[in-house]
N, C-alpha and C. Protein backbone atom coordinates (compact mmCIF):
# COMPACT_ATOMS: atom_id res chain seq x y z
N MET A 1 13.62 -7.32 22.41
CA MET A 1 12.97 -6.97 23.66
C MET A 1 11.46 -6.98 23.45
N ALA A 2 10.74 -7.69 24.28
CA ALA A 2 9.29 -7.78 24.17
C ALA A 2 8.63 -6.50 24.69
N ILE A 3 7.55 -6.16 24.06
CA ILE A 3 6.77 -4.99 24.46
C ILE A 3 5.60 -5.49 25.31
N VAL A 4 5.28 -4.76 26.36
CA VAL A 4 4.15 -5.11 27.21
C VAL A 4 2.88 -5.02 26.37
N ALA A 5 2.06 -6.06 26.43
CA ALA A 5 0.83 -6.12 25.65
C ALA A 5 -0.10 -4.96 25.98
N ASP A 6 -0.73 -4.43 24.95
CA ASP A 6 -1.72 -3.36 25.12
C ASP A 6 -3.07 -4.02 25.34
N GLU A 7 -3.57 -3.93 26.56
CA GLU A 7 -4.84 -4.57 26.88
C GLU A 7 -5.96 -3.56 27.07
N LYS A 8 -5.75 -2.33 26.60
CA LYS A 8 -6.79 -1.31 26.70
C LYS A 8 -7.91 -1.62 25.72
N ASP A 9 -9.11 -1.22 26.08
CA ASP A 9 -10.24 -1.29 25.16
C ASP A 9 -10.34 0.08 24.50
N TRP A 10 -9.93 0.16 23.25
CA TRP A 10 -9.86 1.43 22.54
C TRP A 10 -11.18 1.86 21.90
N THR A 11 -12.28 1.15 22.18
CA THR A 11 -13.54 1.51 21.52
C THR A 11 -14.04 2.90 21.92
N TRP A 12 -13.53 3.44 22.99
CA TRP A 12 -13.93 4.79 23.41
C TRP A 12 -13.60 5.83 22.33
N VAL A 13 -12.66 5.52 21.42
CA VAL A 13 -12.31 6.49 20.38
C VAL A 13 -13.46 6.73 19.41
N LEU A 14 -14.48 5.88 19.46
CA LEU A 14 -15.65 6.09 18.61
C LEU A 14 -16.53 7.22 19.15
N GLU A 15 -16.31 7.61 20.39
CA GLU A 15 -17.15 8.62 21.03
C GLU A 15 -16.46 9.95 21.29
N ARG A 16 -15.14 9.96 21.33
CA ARG A 16 -14.46 11.21 21.64
C ARG A 16 -13.07 11.25 20.97
N ARG A 17 -12.52 12.45 20.92
CA ARG A 17 -11.21 12.70 20.32
C ARG A 17 -10.14 11.91 21.06
N CYS A 18 -9.21 11.36 20.30
CA CYS A 18 -8.07 10.69 20.91
C CYS A 18 -7.11 11.77 21.39
N PRO A 19 -6.79 11.81 22.67
CA PRO A 19 -5.91 12.86 23.17
C PRO A 19 -4.46 12.73 22.69
N GLU A 20 -4.07 11.55 22.24
CA GLU A 20 -2.70 11.36 21.77
C GLU A 20 -2.52 11.79 20.32
N CYS A 21 -3.36 11.27 19.41
CA CYS A 21 -3.17 11.56 17.99
C CYS A 21 -4.11 12.64 17.47
N GLY A 22 -5.15 12.97 18.24
CA GLY A 22 -6.09 14.02 17.84
C GLY A 22 -7.20 13.57 16.91
N PHE A 23 -7.23 12.31 16.52
CA PHE A 23 -8.23 11.81 15.59
C PHE A 23 -9.61 11.81 16.24
N VAL A 24 -10.62 12.23 15.49
CA VAL A 24 -12.00 12.24 15.97
C VAL A 24 -12.81 11.34 15.05
N ALA A 25 -12.94 10.08 15.43
CA ALA A 25 -13.60 9.09 14.59
C ALA A 25 -15.05 9.46 14.30
N SER A 26 -15.75 10.02 15.27
CA SER A 26 -17.17 10.33 15.09
C SER A 26 -17.42 11.41 14.04
N GLU A 27 -16.40 12.14 13.66
CA GLU A 27 -16.56 13.18 12.64
C GLU A 27 -16.31 12.68 11.22
N VAL A 28 -15.94 11.42 11.08
CA VAL A 28 -15.65 10.87 9.76
C VAL A 28 -16.95 10.30 9.16
N ALA A 29 -17.38 10.86 8.05
CA ALA A 29 -18.56 10.37 7.36
C ALA A 29 -18.25 9.02 6.71
N SER A 30 -19.25 8.19 6.58
CA SER A 30 -19.02 6.86 6.03
C SER A 30 -18.36 6.92 4.65
N GLY A 31 -18.73 7.88 3.84
CA GLY A 31 -18.14 8.01 2.51
C GLY A 31 -16.69 8.46 2.50
N GLU A 32 -16.18 8.91 3.64
CA GLU A 32 -14.79 9.35 3.73
C GLU A 32 -13.85 8.23 4.19
N ILE A 33 -14.39 7.13 4.68
CA ILE A 33 -13.54 6.08 5.25
C ILE A 33 -12.63 5.47 4.20
N ALA A 34 -13.16 5.14 3.04
CA ALA A 34 -12.33 4.51 1.99
C ALA A 34 -11.23 5.46 1.49
N PRO A 35 -11.53 6.72 1.17
CA PRO A 35 -10.44 7.60 0.73
C PRO A 35 -9.37 7.83 1.80
N ILE A 36 -9.78 7.92 3.06
CA ILE A 36 -8.79 8.11 4.13
C ILE A 36 -7.95 6.84 4.28
N THR A 37 -8.57 5.69 4.10
CA THR A 37 -7.84 4.42 4.16
C THR A 37 -6.73 4.41 3.11
N ARG A 38 -7.07 4.80 1.89
CA ARG A 38 -6.08 4.81 0.81
C ARG A 38 -4.98 5.84 1.08
N ALA A 39 -5.35 7.00 1.56
CA ALA A 39 -4.35 8.03 1.87
C ALA A 39 -3.41 7.55 2.96
N ASN A 40 -3.96 6.87 3.95
CA ASN A 40 -3.14 6.34 5.03
C ASN A 40 -2.15 5.31 4.50
N ALA A 41 -2.61 4.45 3.61
CA ALA A 41 -1.72 3.44 3.04
C ALA A 41 -0.58 4.09 2.26
N ARG A 42 -0.87 5.17 1.54
CA ARG A 42 0.19 5.87 0.82
C ARG A 42 1.23 6.44 1.78
N ALA A 43 0.77 6.96 2.92
CA ALA A 43 1.69 7.49 3.92
C ALA A 43 2.58 6.36 4.47
N TRP A 44 2.00 5.20 4.72
CA TRP A 44 2.80 4.08 5.21
C TRP A 44 3.80 3.61 4.16
N ALA A 45 3.40 3.61 2.89
CA ALA A 45 4.34 3.23 1.83
C ALA A 45 5.53 4.19 1.83
N GLY A 46 5.27 5.47 2.07
CA GLY A 46 6.36 6.44 2.17
C GLY A 46 7.27 6.16 3.35
N ILE A 47 6.68 5.81 4.48
CA ILE A 47 7.46 5.45 5.67
C ILE A 47 8.36 4.26 5.35
N LEU A 48 7.80 3.26 4.70
CA LEU A 48 8.53 2.03 4.42
C LEU A 48 9.64 2.20 3.39
N SER A 49 9.66 3.32 2.69
CA SER A 49 10.75 3.57 1.75
C SER A 49 11.90 4.31 2.42
N GLY A 50 11.79 4.50 3.73
CA GLY A 50 12.81 5.23 4.48
C GLY A 50 14.04 4.41 4.78
N ASP A 51 14.92 5.02 5.55
CA ASP A 51 16.20 4.42 5.93
C ASP A 51 15.96 3.07 6.62
N PRO A 52 16.53 1.99 6.08
CA PRO A 52 16.32 0.65 6.65
C PRO A 52 16.72 0.53 8.12
N GLU A 53 17.77 1.22 8.50
CA GLU A 53 18.21 1.17 9.90
C GLU A 53 17.16 1.83 10.80
N TRP A 54 16.65 2.98 10.39
CA TRP A 54 15.62 3.68 11.16
C TRP A 54 14.36 2.83 11.24
N LEU A 55 13.99 2.18 10.14
CA LEU A 55 12.77 1.37 10.11
C LEU A 55 12.79 0.26 11.16
N ARG A 56 13.96 -0.25 11.46
CA ARG A 56 14.07 -1.39 12.38
C ARG A 56 14.39 -0.98 13.82
N ARG A 57 14.61 0.30 14.06
CA ARG A 57 15.00 0.77 15.39
C ARG A 57 13.76 1.14 16.22
N ARG A 58 13.72 0.60 17.41
CA ARG A 58 12.65 0.98 18.34
C ARG A 58 13.05 2.28 19.04
N PRO A 59 12.20 3.29 19.01
CA PRO A 59 12.55 4.56 19.63
C PRO A 59 12.60 4.51 21.16
N ARG A 60 11.83 3.58 21.72
CA ARG A 60 11.80 3.37 23.16
C ARG A 60 11.54 1.89 23.40
N ALA A 61 11.84 1.44 24.57
CA ALA A 61 11.67 0.02 24.89
C ALA A 61 10.20 -0.42 24.81
N ASP A 62 9.27 0.52 25.04
CA ASP A 62 7.86 0.17 25.05
C ASP A 62 7.15 0.51 23.74
N ARG A 63 7.90 0.76 22.67
CA ARG A 63 7.32 1.12 21.37
C ARG A 63 7.91 0.23 20.28
N TRP A 64 7.05 -0.13 19.34
CA TRP A 64 7.52 -0.87 18.18
C TRP A 64 8.34 0.03 17.28
N SER A 65 9.11 -0.59 16.44
CA SER A 65 9.85 0.13 15.39
C SER A 65 8.86 0.53 14.29
N PRO A 66 9.24 1.47 13.42
CA PRO A 66 8.36 1.81 12.28
C PRO A 66 8.01 0.58 11.43
N LEU A 67 8.94 -0.33 11.26
CA LEU A 67 8.65 -1.55 10.49
C LEU A 67 7.62 -2.40 11.20
N GLU A 68 7.77 -2.57 12.51
CA GLU A 68 6.81 -3.37 13.27
C GLU A 68 5.43 -2.73 13.24
N TYR A 69 5.36 -1.41 13.39
CA TYR A 69 4.06 -0.73 13.28
C TYR A 69 3.48 -0.92 11.88
N SER A 70 4.30 -0.87 10.86
CA SER A 70 3.82 -1.06 9.48
C SER A 70 3.23 -2.45 9.30
N CYS A 71 3.89 -3.46 9.84
CA CYS A 71 3.36 -4.82 9.76
C CYS A 71 2.02 -4.91 10.50
N HIS A 72 1.95 -4.28 11.65
CA HIS A 72 0.70 -4.26 12.41
C HIS A 72 -0.41 -3.59 11.61
N VAL A 73 -0.12 -2.47 11.00
CA VAL A 73 -1.14 -1.76 10.22
C VAL A 73 -1.60 -2.62 9.05
N ARG A 74 -0.67 -3.27 8.37
CA ARG A 74 -1.05 -4.20 7.29
C ARG A 74 -2.05 -5.23 7.82
N ASP A 75 -1.75 -5.78 9.00
CA ASP A 75 -2.60 -6.81 9.56
C ASP A 75 -3.92 -6.25 10.08
N VAL A 76 -3.92 -5.01 10.53
CA VAL A 76 -5.18 -4.36 10.90
C VAL A 76 -6.09 -4.29 9.68
N PHE A 77 -5.54 -3.85 8.55
CA PHE A 77 -6.35 -3.80 7.33
C PHE A 77 -6.89 -5.19 6.97
N ARG A 78 -6.08 -6.21 7.10
CA ARG A 78 -6.50 -7.57 6.78
C ARG A 78 -7.61 -8.06 7.71
N VAL A 79 -7.41 -7.87 9.01
CA VAL A 79 -8.39 -8.34 9.99
C VAL A 79 -9.70 -7.57 9.85
N MET A 80 -9.61 -6.26 9.67
CA MET A 80 -10.84 -5.47 9.55
C MET A 80 -11.58 -5.77 8.25
N ASP A 81 -10.85 -6.07 7.18
CA ASP A 81 -11.50 -6.47 5.93
C ASP A 81 -12.25 -7.78 6.12
N GLU A 82 -11.63 -8.72 6.82
CA GLU A 82 -12.29 -9.99 7.13
C GLU A 82 -13.57 -9.75 7.94
N ARG A 83 -13.47 -8.88 8.93
CA ARG A 83 -14.64 -8.59 9.76
C ARG A 83 -15.72 -7.87 8.96
N LEU A 84 -15.31 -6.96 8.10
CA LEU A 84 -16.27 -6.28 7.23
C LEU A 84 -17.03 -7.30 6.39
N ASN A 85 -16.33 -8.23 5.78
CA ASN A 85 -16.97 -9.24 4.95
C ASN A 85 -17.93 -10.11 5.76
N LEU A 86 -17.55 -10.44 6.99
CA LEU A 86 -18.45 -11.20 7.85
C LEU A 86 -19.72 -10.40 8.15
N MET A 87 -19.56 -9.12 8.45
CA MET A 87 -20.72 -8.28 8.78
C MET A 87 -21.66 -8.13 7.59
N LEU A 88 -21.12 -8.12 6.40
CA LEU A 88 -21.94 -7.94 5.21
C LEU A 88 -22.59 -9.24 4.74
N SER A 89 -22.06 -10.38 5.21
CA SER A 89 -22.60 -11.66 4.74
C SER A 89 -23.35 -12.46 5.80
N LEU A 90 -23.12 -12.16 7.07
CA LEU A 90 -23.78 -12.88 8.17
C LEU A 90 -24.54 -11.90 9.04
N ASP A 91 -25.54 -12.41 9.74
CA ASP A 91 -26.28 -11.58 10.68
C ASP A 91 -25.55 -11.56 12.02
N ASN A 92 -25.12 -10.38 12.44
CA ASN A 92 -24.49 -10.15 13.73
C ASN A 92 -23.40 -11.16 14.06
N PRO A 93 -22.37 -11.26 13.23
CA PRO A 93 -21.31 -12.24 13.48
C PRO A 93 -20.50 -11.91 14.73
N LEU A 94 -19.93 -12.96 15.31
CA LEU A 94 -19.00 -12.82 16.43
C LEU A 94 -17.60 -12.97 15.86
N PHE A 95 -16.77 -11.95 16.05
CA PHE A 95 -15.41 -11.97 15.51
C PHE A 95 -14.51 -12.81 16.40
N GLN A 96 -13.62 -13.56 15.78
CA GLN A 96 -12.61 -14.27 16.54
C GLN A 96 -11.67 -13.26 17.19
N ASN A 97 -11.14 -13.62 18.34
CA ASN A 97 -10.18 -12.76 19.01
C ASN A 97 -8.92 -12.67 18.16
N TRP A 98 -8.33 -11.48 18.11
CA TRP A 98 -7.05 -11.29 17.44
C TRP A 98 -6.09 -10.71 18.45
N ASP A 99 -5.06 -11.47 18.75
CA ASP A 99 -4.03 -11.01 19.69
C ASP A 99 -2.90 -10.39 18.86
N GLN A 100 -2.94 -9.08 18.77
CA GLN A 100 -1.97 -8.37 17.92
C GLN A 100 -0.53 -8.55 18.41
N ASP A 101 -0.34 -8.66 19.69
CA ASP A 101 1.01 -8.81 20.22
C ASP A 101 1.58 -10.20 19.92
N SER A 102 0.75 -11.22 20.03
CA SER A 102 1.20 -12.57 19.66
C SER A 102 1.50 -12.64 18.17
N THR A 103 0.68 -12.01 17.36
CA THR A 103 0.90 -11.99 15.92
C THR A 103 2.24 -11.36 15.59
N ALA A 104 2.56 -10.26 16.26
CA ALA A 104 3.84 -9.58 16.02
C ALA A 104 5.02 -10.50 16.32
N LEU A 105 4.92 -11.26 17.39
CA LEU A 105 6.00 -12.19 17.75
C LEU A 105 6.05 -13.39 16.81
N GLU A 106 4.89 -14.00 16.59
CA GLU A 106 4.84 -15.21 15.76
C GLU A 106 5.26 -14.94 14.31
N ASP A 107 4.89 -13.77 13.80
CA ASP A 107 5.19 -13.44 12.41
C ASP A 107 6.51 -12.69 12.25
N HIS A 108 7.23 -12.50 13.35
CA HIS A 108 8.55 -11.86 13.33
C HIS A 108 8.51 -10.54 12.56
N TYR A 109 7.65 -9.66 13.01
CA TYR A 109 7.52 -8.35 12.36
C TYR A 109 8.88 -7.68 12.16
N GLU A 110 9.75 -7.81 13.16
CA GLU A 110 11.02 -7.09 13.12
C GLU A 110 11.95 -7.58 12.01
N GLU A 111 11.67 -8.76 11.46
CA GLU A 111 12.53 -9.34 10.43
C GLU A 111 11.97 -9.21 9.01
N GLN A 112 10.78 -8.67 8.88
CA GLN A 112 10.14 -8.64 7.56
C GLN A 112 10.80 -7.62 6.63
N ASP A 113 10.64 -7.85 5.35
CA ASP A 113 11.21 -6.99 4.32
C ASP A 113 10.32 -5.76 4.12
N PRO A 114 10.83 -4.55 4.34
CA PRO A 114 10.01 -3.34 4.23
C PRO A 114 9.33 -3.18 2.87
N GLY A 115 10.02 -3.52 1.78
CA GLY A 115 9.42 -3.42 0.45
C GLY A 115 8.22 -4.33 0.30
N GLN A 116 8.35 -5.55 0.79
CA GLN A 116 7.25 -6.51 0.72
C GLN A 116 6.10 -6.07 1.63
N VAL A 117 6.42 -5.54 2.79
CA VAL A 117 5.38 -5.06 3.70
C VAL A 117 4.61 -3.91 3.04
N ALA A 118 5.32 -3.03 2.34
CA ALA A 118 4.65 -1.92 1.64
C ALA A 118 3.66 -2.43 0.61
N VAL A 119 4.07 -3.43 -0.16
CA VAL A 119 3.18 -4.02 -1.17
C VAL A 119 1.96 -4.65 -0.51
N GLU A 120 2.19 -5.42 0.53
CA GLU A 120 1.10 -6.11 1.22
C GLU A 120 0.17 -5.14 1.94
N LEU A 121 0.74 -4.13 2.57
CA LEU A 121 -0.07 -3.12 3.27
C LEU A 121 -0.95 -2.38 2.28
N THR A 122 -0.39 -1.97 1.16
CA THR A 122 -1.16 -1.24 0.15
C THR A 122 -2.29 -2.11 -0.40
N ALA A 123 -2.00 -3.37 -0.66
CA ALA A 123 -3.02 -4.28 -1.18
C ALA A 123 -4.13 -4.51 -0.15
N ALA A 124 -3.75 -4.69 1.11
CA ALA A 124 -4.75 -4.91 2.16
C ALA A 124 -5.62 -3.67 2.35
N ALA A 125 -5.01 -2.50 2.31
CA ALA A 125 -5.78 -1.25 2.44
C ALA A 125 -6.73 -1.09 1.26
N GLU A 126 -6.27 -1.44 0.08
CA GLU A 126 -7.12 -1.32 -1.11
C GLU A 126 -8.33 -2.27 -1.02
N ARG A 127 -8.11 -3.49 -0.56
CA ARG A 127 -9.23 -4.43 -0.38
C ARG A 127 -10.24 -3.87 0.62
N MET A 128 -9.73 -3.32 1.72
CA MET A 128 -10.62 -2.75 2.73
C MET A 128 -11.39 -1.57 2.15
N ALA A 129 -10.68 -0.67 1.46
CA ALA A 129 -11.32 0.51 0.88
C ALA A 129 -12.37 0.11 -0.15
N ALA A 130 -12.04 -0.84 -1.01
CA ALA A 130 -12.99 -1.28 -2.03
C ALA A 130 -14.22 -1.92 -1.39
N GLY A 131 -14.00 -2.69 -0.34
CA GLY A 131 -15.13 -3.28 0.37
C GLY A 131 -16.04 -2.22 0.97
N LEU A 132 -15.45 -1.20 1.54
CA LEU A 132 -16.23 -0.11 2.13
C LEU A 132 -16.98 0.68 1.06
N GLU A 133 -16.36 0.86 -0.09
CA GLU A 133 -17.03 1.58 -1.17
C GLU A 133 -18.27 0.84 -1.68
N GLY A 134 -18.31 -0.46 -1.48
CA GLY A 134 -19.47 -1.25 -1.91
C GLY A 134 -20.63 -1.22 -0.94
N VAL A 135 -20.44 -0.63 0.22
CA VAL A 135 -21.49 -0.58 1.24
C VAL A 135 -22.47 0.55 0.89
N GLU A 136 -23.76 0.24 0.94
CA GLU A 136 -24.78 1.23 0.62
C GLU A 136 -25.89 1.23 1.66
N GLY A 137 -26.48 2.40 1.85
CA GLY A 137 -27.68 2.55 2.67
C GLY A 137 -27.62 1.91 4.03
N ALA A 138 -28.64 1.09 4.32
CA ALA A 138 -28.78 0.48 5.64
C ALA A 138 -27.66 -0.51 5.96
N ALA A 139 -26.92 -0.95 4.97
CA ALA A 139 -25.83 -1.89 5.23
C ALA A 139 -24.77 -1.28 6.14
N TRP A 140 -24.65 0.05 6.17
CA TRP A 140 -23.70 0.70 7.07
C TRP A 140 -24.02 0.41 8.53
N GLN A 141 -25.25 0.03 8.81
CA GLN A 141 -25.66 -0.23 10.20
C GLN A 141 -25.71 -1.71 10.55
N ARG A 142 -25.26 -2.57 9.64
CA ARG A 142 -25.22 -4.01 9.95
C ARG A 142 -24.28 -4.23 11.14
N PRO A 143 -24.71 -5.06 12.10
CA PRO A 143 -23.92 -5.23 13.33
C PRO A 143 -22.93 -6.39 13.29
N GLY A 144 -21.97 -6.29 14.20
CA GLY A 144 -21.01 -7.35 14.47
C GLY A 144 -20.57 -7.22 15.91
N LEU A 145 -20.02 -8.29 16.44
CA LEU A 145 -19.67 -8.32 17.86
C LEU A 145 -18.25 -8.84 18.03
N ARG A 146 -17.43 -8.07 18.73
CA ARG A 146 -16.07 -8.51 19.02
C ARG A 146 -16.10 -9.51 20.17
N SER A 147 -15.10 -10.34 20.26
CA SER A 147 -15.07 -11.41 21.27
C SER A 147 -15.15 -10.89 22.70
N ASN A 148 -14.76 -9.63 22.93
CA ASN A 148 -14.85 -9.07 24.29
C ASN A 148 -16.20 -8.41 24.56
N GLY A 149 -17.14 -8.53 23.61
CA GLY A 149 -18.48 -7.99 23.80
C GLY A 149 -18.71 -6.63 23.18
N ALA A 150 -17.70 -6.01 22.61
CA ALA A 150 -17.87 -4.69 21.97
C ALA A 150 -18.71 -4.83 20.71
N HIS A 151 -19.72 -3.97 20.61
CA HIS A 151 -20.63 -3.97 19.46
C HIS A 151 -20.14 -2.97 18.43
N PHE A 152 -20.21 -3.36 17.16
CA PHE A 152 -19.85 -2.48 16.05
C PHE A 152 -20.94 -2.52 15.00
N THR A 153 -21.01 -1.45 14.23
CA THR A 153 -21.73 -1.48 12.97
C THR A 153 -20.65 -1.42 11.89
N VAL A 154 -21.04 -1.62 10.64
CA VAL A 154 -20.06 -1.49 9.56
C VAL A 154 -19.40 -0.12 9.63
N GLU A 155 -20.22 0.91 9.88
CA GLU A 155 -19.70 2.28 9.94
C GLU A 155 -18.72 2.47 11.09
N THR A 156 -19.07 1.99 12.28
CA THR A 156 -18.16 2.19 13.41
C THR A 156 -16.92 1.30 13.30
N LEU A 157 -17.04 0.14 12.66
CA LEU A 157 -15.86 -0.68 12.42
C LEU A 157 -14.88 0.08 11.53
N GLY A 158 -15.39 0.73 10.49
CA GLY A 158 -14.53 1.52 9.61
C GLY A 158 -13.87 2.67 10.35
N ARG A 159 -14.62 3.35 11.17
CA ARG A 159 -14.06 4.47 11.93
C ARG A 159 -13.02 3.99 12.94
N TYR A 160 -13.32 2.88 13.60
CA TYR A 160 -12.39 2.30 14.57
C TYR A 160 -11.08 1.91 13.90
N MET A 161 -11.19 1.28 12.73
CA MET A 161 -10.01 0.89 11.96
C MET A 161 -9.20 2.12 11.59
N LEU A 162 -9.88 3.18 11.15
CA LEU A 162 -9.16 4.41 10.79
C LEU A 162 -8.38 4.97 11.96
N HIS A 163 -8.99 5.00 13.13
CA HIS A 163 -8.26 5.52 14.28
C HIS A 163 -6.98 4.72 14.49
N ASP A 164 -7.09 3.41 14.42
CA ASP A 164 -5.92 2.57 14.67
C ASP A 164 -4.77 2.90 13.72
N VAL A 165 -5.07 2.96 12.43
CA VAL A 165 -3.98 3.16 11.46
C VAL A 165 -3.47 4.60 11.46
N VAL A 166 -4.34 5.56 11.75
CA VAL A 166 -3.90 6.96 11.86
C VAL A 166 -3.07 7.13 13.13
N HIS A 167 -3.52 6.53 14.22
CA HIS A 167 -2.82 6.65 15.50
C HIS A 167 -1.40 6.09 15.37
N HIS A 168 -1.25 4.97 14.71
CA HIS A 168 0.09 4.39 14.59
C HIS A 168 0.97 5.18 13.64
N LEU A 169 0.38 5.83 12.67
CA LEU A 169 1.17 6.73 11.83
C LEU A 169 1.67 7.89 12.68
N PHE A 170 0.84 8.37 13.59
CA PHE A 170 1.24 9.40 14.53
C PHE A 170 2.38 8.91 15.43
N ASP A 171 2.28 7.63 15.86
CA ASP A 171 3.36 7.05 16.68
C ASP A 171 4.70 7.10 15.96
N VAL A 172 4.68 6.87 14.65
CA VAL A 172 5.90 6.75 13.85
C VAL A 172 6.35 8.09 13.29
N ALA A 173 5.42 8.83 12.72
CA ALA A 173 5.76 10.10 12.03
C ALA A 173 4.61 11.08 12.21
N PRO A 174 4.57 11.77 13.36
CA PRO A 174 3.44 12.66 13.65
C PRO A 174 3.10 13.65 12.55
N GLU A 175 4.09 14.10 11.81
CA GLU A 175 3.85 15.12 10.78
C GLU A 175 3.06 14.57 9.59
N THR A 176 2.95 13.26 9.44
CA THR A 176 2.22 12.69 8.31
C THR A 176 0.89 12.09 8.70
N ALA A 177 0.52 12.15 9.96
CA ALA A 177 -0.63 11.40 10.46
C ALA A 177 -1.99 12.00 10.17
N THR A 178 -2.09 13.24 9.81
CA THR A 178 -3.39 13.86 9.59
C THR A 178 -4.10 13.18 8.43
N PRO A 179 -5.36 12.73 8.66
CA PRO A 179 -6.08 12.05 7.58
C PRO A 179 -6.44 12.98 6.42
């Protein structure tokens, strides 16, 4: 069953608390982004070691299964790492559009192996965290532009990414979502 595409612009989470998951991106210091990224990846690895039947079951028609959310989070880490590298190497890069819903369908998230997803998610989170740890001083303010016109700095890109992966952990297992 296909899920209706999420076409919301979630950049507002950079300015205020998310009413669903409670995450407050603006309160995360730049030096905390990498450690929270790693902690989040560990929580997802725990999720992916769960009951295989539960991992593949959608709780509602309009929600992905825990496995599908895990695949999405892996890909969020990958896409955001790519964008981070662009921001650190180019002046004000324009990011290619990423259609997360098309990716889920094309890559058959629902059919992927949970163990392999855990390995890939952990590796992608580690690359992102290591990249963020290498950012110093004024580089945190280097700009980038999303295809829909949303402006980011390296710091706000990291915070935005954190909200996404924390929010989806909340979607799957609210008790483990606190950063």
